[in-house]
Amino acid sequence: MSLNRRHFLNVVAAGAATGMCVSLGLANRSTRSRIKAFVFDAFPIFDPRPVFALAEQLFPGQGTELSNLWRTKQFEYQWLRALAQQYVDFWRITEESLMFAADSLHLNLTSDKREKLMSAYLHLKTWPDVPLALQRLRNAGGRLAILSNATPNILEAGIKNSGLENVFDHVISTDKMKTYKPSPRAYKMAIDAMALRKEEVMFVAFAGWDAAGAKSFGFPTFWVNRLKSPTERLGFAPDGIGTSLDELIAFTNGGR
């Protein structure tokens, strides 16, 4: 099925307004029936909002602006480091982007405040819909994995905080390859670990750029657009868009 840009934007806008799962018509029932595993980015699973709430608590009236700039630089630094072949891990990038954001806004980021904000990444828990949705996917025979740019320590802490031990078949950090998504080398880590073909793996993204990257790699892709962000203009649309894992399940069941 071919979608022109106007129709695509109308479909996405309608889905965001209603909170309903949106199928873009790019994955038919035969494609969905071949799915054997679900590979998640970390943040459809773990809720990062407490980090940004803490930023507002520490910098009243400026926390939202700080958080937005922090997140933007966090992604930029990953990609710039990867392009320059000057890799450092996600933890260091997160700290350096926080420092840049604070400097840009002329905020006094004391060592104590910096430590509190960084430590918040080790106290993440799941979004409310996640535990039951993961159980349903496992009960249906789906294999589950995480593939994230976050460090192993962040991922392991989130799993422990949320009581998700033994839920995932693989927990994969791109740190092992010293690269970041959306590099194809990063996505390949999932199919190598699970010994499956691309078309047998549904990638579940949190960010629009990650959904585009996974689709470009060749994964059937679902974008859990929890923040109701606009669609990235990167040339690759996800197969489905929703705002929760319940909508992912509805999509993989063909809307039933």
Protein backbone atom coordinates (compact mmCIF):
# COMPACT_ATOMS: atom_id res chain seq x y z
CA MET A 1 0.00 0.00 0.00
CA SER A 2 1.37 3.39 -0.97
CA LEU A 3 0.81 6.46 1.21
CA ASN A 4 1.33 9.99 0.05
CA ARG A 5 2.65 12.48 2.60
CA ARG A 6 -0.67 14.23 3.19
CA HIS A 7 -2.53 10.99 3.84
CA PHE A 8 0.28 9.75 6.08
CA LEU A 9 0.18 12.90 8.21
CA ASN A 10 -3.60 12.75 8.44
CA VAL A 11 -3.45 9.15 9.62
CA VAL A 12 -0.84 9.92 12.26
CA ALA A 13 -2.68 13.01 13.46
CA ALA A 14 -5.92 11.08 13.82
CA GLY A 15 -4.20 8.38 15.84
CA ALA A 16 -2.54 10.87 18.16
CA ALA A 17 -5.83 12.64 18.74
CA THR A 18 -7.78 9.49 19.56
CA GLY A 19 -5.05 7.54 21.35
CA MET A 20 -5.90 4.57 19.12
CA CYS A 21 -3.43 2.22 17.44
CA VAL A 22 -2.60 3.35 13.91
CA SER A 23 -1.68 0.81 11.24
CA LEU A 24 0.05 2.45 8.32
CA GLY A 25 -0.73 -0.47 6.04
CA LEU A 26 2.90 -1.40 5.54
CA ALA A 27 2.75 -4.72 7.40
CA ASN A 28 -0.01 -7.07 6.29
CA ARG A 29 -1.42 -9.98 8.25
CA SER A 30 1.11 -12.38 6.72
CA THR A 31 3.96 -10.19 7.94
CA ARG A 32 2.52 -10.03 11.46
CA SER A 33 2.02 -13.79 11.57
CA ARG A 34 5.76 -14.32 11.03
CA ILE A 35 6.71 -12.35 14.15
CA LYS A 36 8.50 -14.59 16.66
CA ALA A 37 10.11 -11.99 18.89
CA PHE A 38 9.69 -8.44 20.15
CA VAL A 39 12.76 -6.28 20.64
CA PHE A 40 12.16 -3.16 22.69
CA ASP A 41 14.08 0.03 23.10
CA ALA A 42 14.45 0.67 26.82
CA PHE A 43 12.00 3.54 27.06
CA PRO A 44 8.76 1.97 25.85
CA ILE A 45 9.45 -0.16 28.95
CA PHE A 46 10.98 2.25 31.50
CA ASP A 47 9.32 5.56 32.27
CA PRO A 48 11.87 8.44 32.19
CA ARG A 49 9.44 11.10 33.41
CA PRO A 50 10.67 11.00 37.05
CA VAL A 51 14.09 12.17 35.82
CA PHE A 52 12.53 15.26 34.28
CA ALA A 53 10.22 15.83 37.25
CA LEU A 54 13.33 15.88 39.42
CA ALA A 55 14.88 18.49 37.12
CA GLU A 56 11.87 20.74 37.75
CA GLN A 57 12.12 20.11 41.48
CA LEU A 58 15.79 21.08 41.52
CA PHE A 59 15.36 24.04 39.15
CA PRO A 60 11.80 25.35 39.69
CA GLY A 61 10.38 27.02 36.60
CA GLN A 62 13.35 25.96 34.47
CA GLY A 63 13.32 22.19 34.78
CA THR A 64 11.25 21.58 31.67
CA GLU A 65 13.54 23.71 29.51
CA LEU A 66 16.56 22.01 31.05
CA SER A 67 15.10 18.56 30.41
CA ASN A 68 14.24 19.30 26.79
CA LEU A 69 17.70 20.62 25.99
CA TRP A 70 19.31 17.79 27.97
CA ARG A 71 17.44 15.14 25.95
CA THR A 72 18.24 16.85 22.65
CA LYS A 73 21.96 17.04 23.39
CA GLN A 74 21.92 13.49 24.71
CA PHE A 75 20.93 12.21 21.28
CA GLU A 76 23.17 14.63 19.38
CA TYR A 77 26.21 13.62 21.40
CA GLN A 78 25.58 9.92 20.73
CA TRP A 79 25.45 10.45 17.00
CA LEU A 80 28.32 12.93 16.84
CA ARG A 81 30.53 10.61 18.88
CA ALA A 82 29.62 7.70 16.64
CA LEU A 83 30.29 9.66 13.44
CA ALA A 84 33.60 10.92 14.75
CA GLN A 85 34.53 7.42 15.97
CA GLN A 86 35.13 8.89 19.41
CA TYR A 87 32.88 6.56 21.39
CA VAL A 88 32.05 7.07 25.04
CA ASP A 89 29.22 5.26 26.77
CA PHE A 90 25.67 6.47 27.35
CA TRP A 91 26.28 7.33 31.00
CA ARG A 92 29.10 9.73 30.17
CA ILE A 93 27.16 11.23 27.26
CA THR A 94 24.16 11.73 29.53
CA GLU A 95 26.28 13.55 32.10
CA GLU A 96 28.09 15.70 29.55
CA SER A 97 24.85 16.67 27.81
CA LEU A 98 23.35 17.59 31.20
CA MET A 99 26.31 19.84 31.92
CA PHE A 100 26.02 21.48 28.50
CA ALA A 101 22.28 22.08 28.96
CA ALA A 102 22.82 23.63 32.37
CA ASP A 103 25.61 25.85 31.06
CA SER A 104 23.43 26.96 28.14
CA LEU A 105 20.67 28.03 30.52
CA HIS A 106 23.12 29.60 33.00
CA LEU A 107 21.99 27.27 35.77
CA ASN A 108 24.13 26.45 38.79
CA LEU A 109 24.45 22.70 38.39
CA THR A 110 26.21 21.80 41.62
CA SER A 111 27.89 18.43 41.96
CA ASP A 112 25.08 17.37 44.31
CA LYS A 113 22.36 18.27 41.80
CA ARG A 114 24.26 16.62 38.98
CA GLU A 115 24.63 13.42 40.99
CA LYS A 116 20.93 13.39 41.88
CA LEU A 117 19.86 13.82 38.27
CA MET A 118 22.26 11.18 37.01
CA SER A 119 21.31 8.73 39.77
CA ALA A 120 17.66 9.08 38.77
CA TYR A 121 18.49 6.95 35.71
CA LEU A 122 19.25 4.09 38.10
CA HIS A 123 15.82 4.32 39.73
CA LEU A 124 13.57 4.01 36.68
CA LYS A 125 10.49 1.78 36.78
CA THR A 126 8.07 0.68 34.11
CA TRP A 127 5.17 2.56 32.59
CA PRO A 128 1.89 1.29 34.16
CA ASP A 129 0.81 -0.83 31.16
CA VAL A 130 4.09 -2.69 30.79
CA PRO A 131 4.03 -5.69 33.19
CA LEU A 132 0.70 -7.10 32.03
CA ALA A 133 1.47 -6.43 28.36
CA LEU A 134 4.80 -8.25 28.57
CA GLN A 135 3.10 -11.17 30.29
CA ARG A 136 0.53 -11.34 27.50
CA LEU A 137 3.23 -11.35 24.83
CA ARG A 138 5.15 -14.09 26.61
CA ASN A 139 2.00 -16.16 27.16
CA ALA A 140 1.36 -15.96 23.43
CA GLY A 141 4.79 -17.44 22.77
CA GLY A 142 6.69 -14.27 21.91
CA ARG A 143 10.35 -14.01 22.76
CA LEU A 144 11.28 -10.68 24.35
CA ALA A 145 14.47 -8.63 24.31
CA ILE A 146 15.71 -5.13 24.98
CA LEU A 147 18.09 -3.37 22.59
CA SER A 148 19.14 0.01 23.95
CA ASN A 149 21.83 2.64 23.76
CA ALA A 150 21.72 2.80 27.56
CA THR A 151 24.49 1.18 29.55
CA PRO A 152 24.08 -2.30 31.03
CA ASN A 153 23.94 -0.78 34.54
CA ILE A 154 20.95 1.41 33.63
CA LEU A 155 19.12 -1.50 31.99
CA GLU A 156 19.83 -3.94 34.82
CA ALA A 157 18.72 -1.40 37.42
CA GLY A 158 15.45 -0.73 35.59
CA ILE A 159 14.71 -4.45 35.34
CA LYS A 160 15.44 -5.00 39.03
CA ASN A 161 13.45 -1.92 40.12
CA SER A 162 10.47 -3.16 38.13
CA GLY A 163 10.56 -6.84 39.11
CA LEU A 164 11.17 -7.95 35.51
CA GLU A 165 13.94 -10.44 36.20
CA ASN A 166 13.71 -13.46 33.87
CA VAL A 167 11.18 -11.71 31.59
CA PHE A 168 13.58 -10.89 28.75
CA ASP A 169 15.48 -13.50 26.78
CA HIS A 170 18.19 -10.95 26.01
CA VAL A 171 19.09 -7.53 27.40
CA ILE A 172 21.42 -5.93 24.88
CA SER A 173 23.29 -2.66 25.24
CA THR A 174 24.89 -1.20 22.13
CA ASP A 175 27.81 -0.41 24.42
CA LYS A 176 29.07 -3.90 23.63
CA MET A 177 29.67 -2.85 20.01
CA LYS A 178 30.82 0.69 20.93
CA THR A 179 28.17 2.21 18.72
CA TYR A 180 24.68 3.67 18.94
CA LYS A 181 21.39 3.18 17.21
CA PRO A 182 20.47 3.98 14.47
CA SER A 183 23.66 2.35 13.20
CA PRO A 184 22.79 -0.89 11.35
CA ARG A 185 25.50 -2.59 13.42
CA ALA A 186 23.48 -1.81 16.53
CA TYR A 187 20.23 -3.32 15.20
CA LYS A 188 22.10 -6.38 13.93
CA MET A 189 23.00 -7.21 17.53
CA ALA A 190 19.39 -8.24 18.13
CA ILE A 191 19.10 -10.71 15.27
CA ASP A 192 22.52 -12.15 16.08
CA ALA A 193 21.53 -12.69 19.73
CA MET A 194 18.16 -14.21 18.89
CA ALA A 195 19.26 -16.15 15.80
CA LEU A 196 16.23 -14.94 13.84
CA ARG A 197 15.64 -13.25 10.51
CA LYS A 198 14.80 -9.55 10.39
CA GLU A 199 11.23 -10.21 9.30
CA GLU A 200 10.68 -12.40 12.37
CA VAL A 201 11.49 -9.59 14.81
CA MET A 202 9.15 -6.72 15.67
CA PHE A 203 11.16 -3.73 16.87
CA VAL A 204 9.34 -1.54 19.37
CA ALA A 205 10.65 2.03 19.47
CA PHE A 206 10.16 4.93 21.87
CA ALA A 207 11.61 7.67 19.66
CA GLY A 208 10.57 8.46 16.11
CA TRP A 209 14.17 8.41 14.88
CA ASP A 210 14.63 4.92 16.34
CA ALA A 211 11.48 3.69 14.62
CA ALA A 212 12.81 5.06 11.33
CA GLY A 213 16.22 3.51 11.92
CA ALA A 214 14.79 0.09 12.74
CA LYS A 215 12.50 0.18 9.70
CA SER A 216 15.43 1.21 7.50
CA PHE A 217 17.36 -1.79 8.84
CA GLY A 218 14.52 -4.07 7.80
CA PHE A 219 12.61 -4.77 11.01
CA PRO A 220 8.81 -4.71 11.14
CA THR A 221 8.46 -1.74 13.45
CA PHE A 222 5.95 -0.38 15.94
CA TRP A 223 6.38 3.09 17.44
CA VAL A 224 5.10 3.46 21.00
CA ASN A 225 4.72 7.21 20.78
CA ARG A 226 4.02 7.80 24.47
CA LEU A 227 4.95 11.49 24.28
CA LYS A 228 2.78 12.07 21.17
CA SER A 229 5.73 13.49 19.28
CA PRO A 230 5.56 14.56 15.63
CA THR A 231 6.71 12.06 13.05
CA GLU A 232 10.33 12.28 11.94
CA ARG A 233 10.99 13.10 8.27
CA LEU A 234 13.61 10.42 7.69
CA GLY A 235 12.05 8.50 4.80
CA PHE A 236 10.93 5.39 6.71
CA ALA A 237 7.52 5.09 8.38
CA PRO A 238 6.85 2.54 11.13
CA ASP A 239 4.33 -0.19 10.40
CA GLY A 240 2.19 0.89 13.35
CA ILE A 241 1.91 3.71 15.84
CA GLY A 242 0.26 3.75 19.25
CA THR A 243 0.74 5.20 22.70
CA SER A 244 0.96 2.02 24.79
CA LEU A 245 1.98 -1.62 24.67
CA ASP A 246 -1.70 -2.55 24.66
CA GLU A 247 -1.91 -0.96 21.23
CA LEU A 248 1.15 -2.92 20.15
CA ILE A 249 -0.68 -6.12 21.11
CA ALA A 250 -3.78 -5.01 19.21
CA PHE A 251 -1.63 -4.28 16.16
CA THR A 252 0.11 -7.65 16.19
CA ASN A 253 -3.27 -9.35 16.56
CA GLY A 254 -4.46 -7.65 13.42
CA GLY A 255 -6.70 -5.18 15.26
CA ARG A 256 -8.67 -7.88 17.04
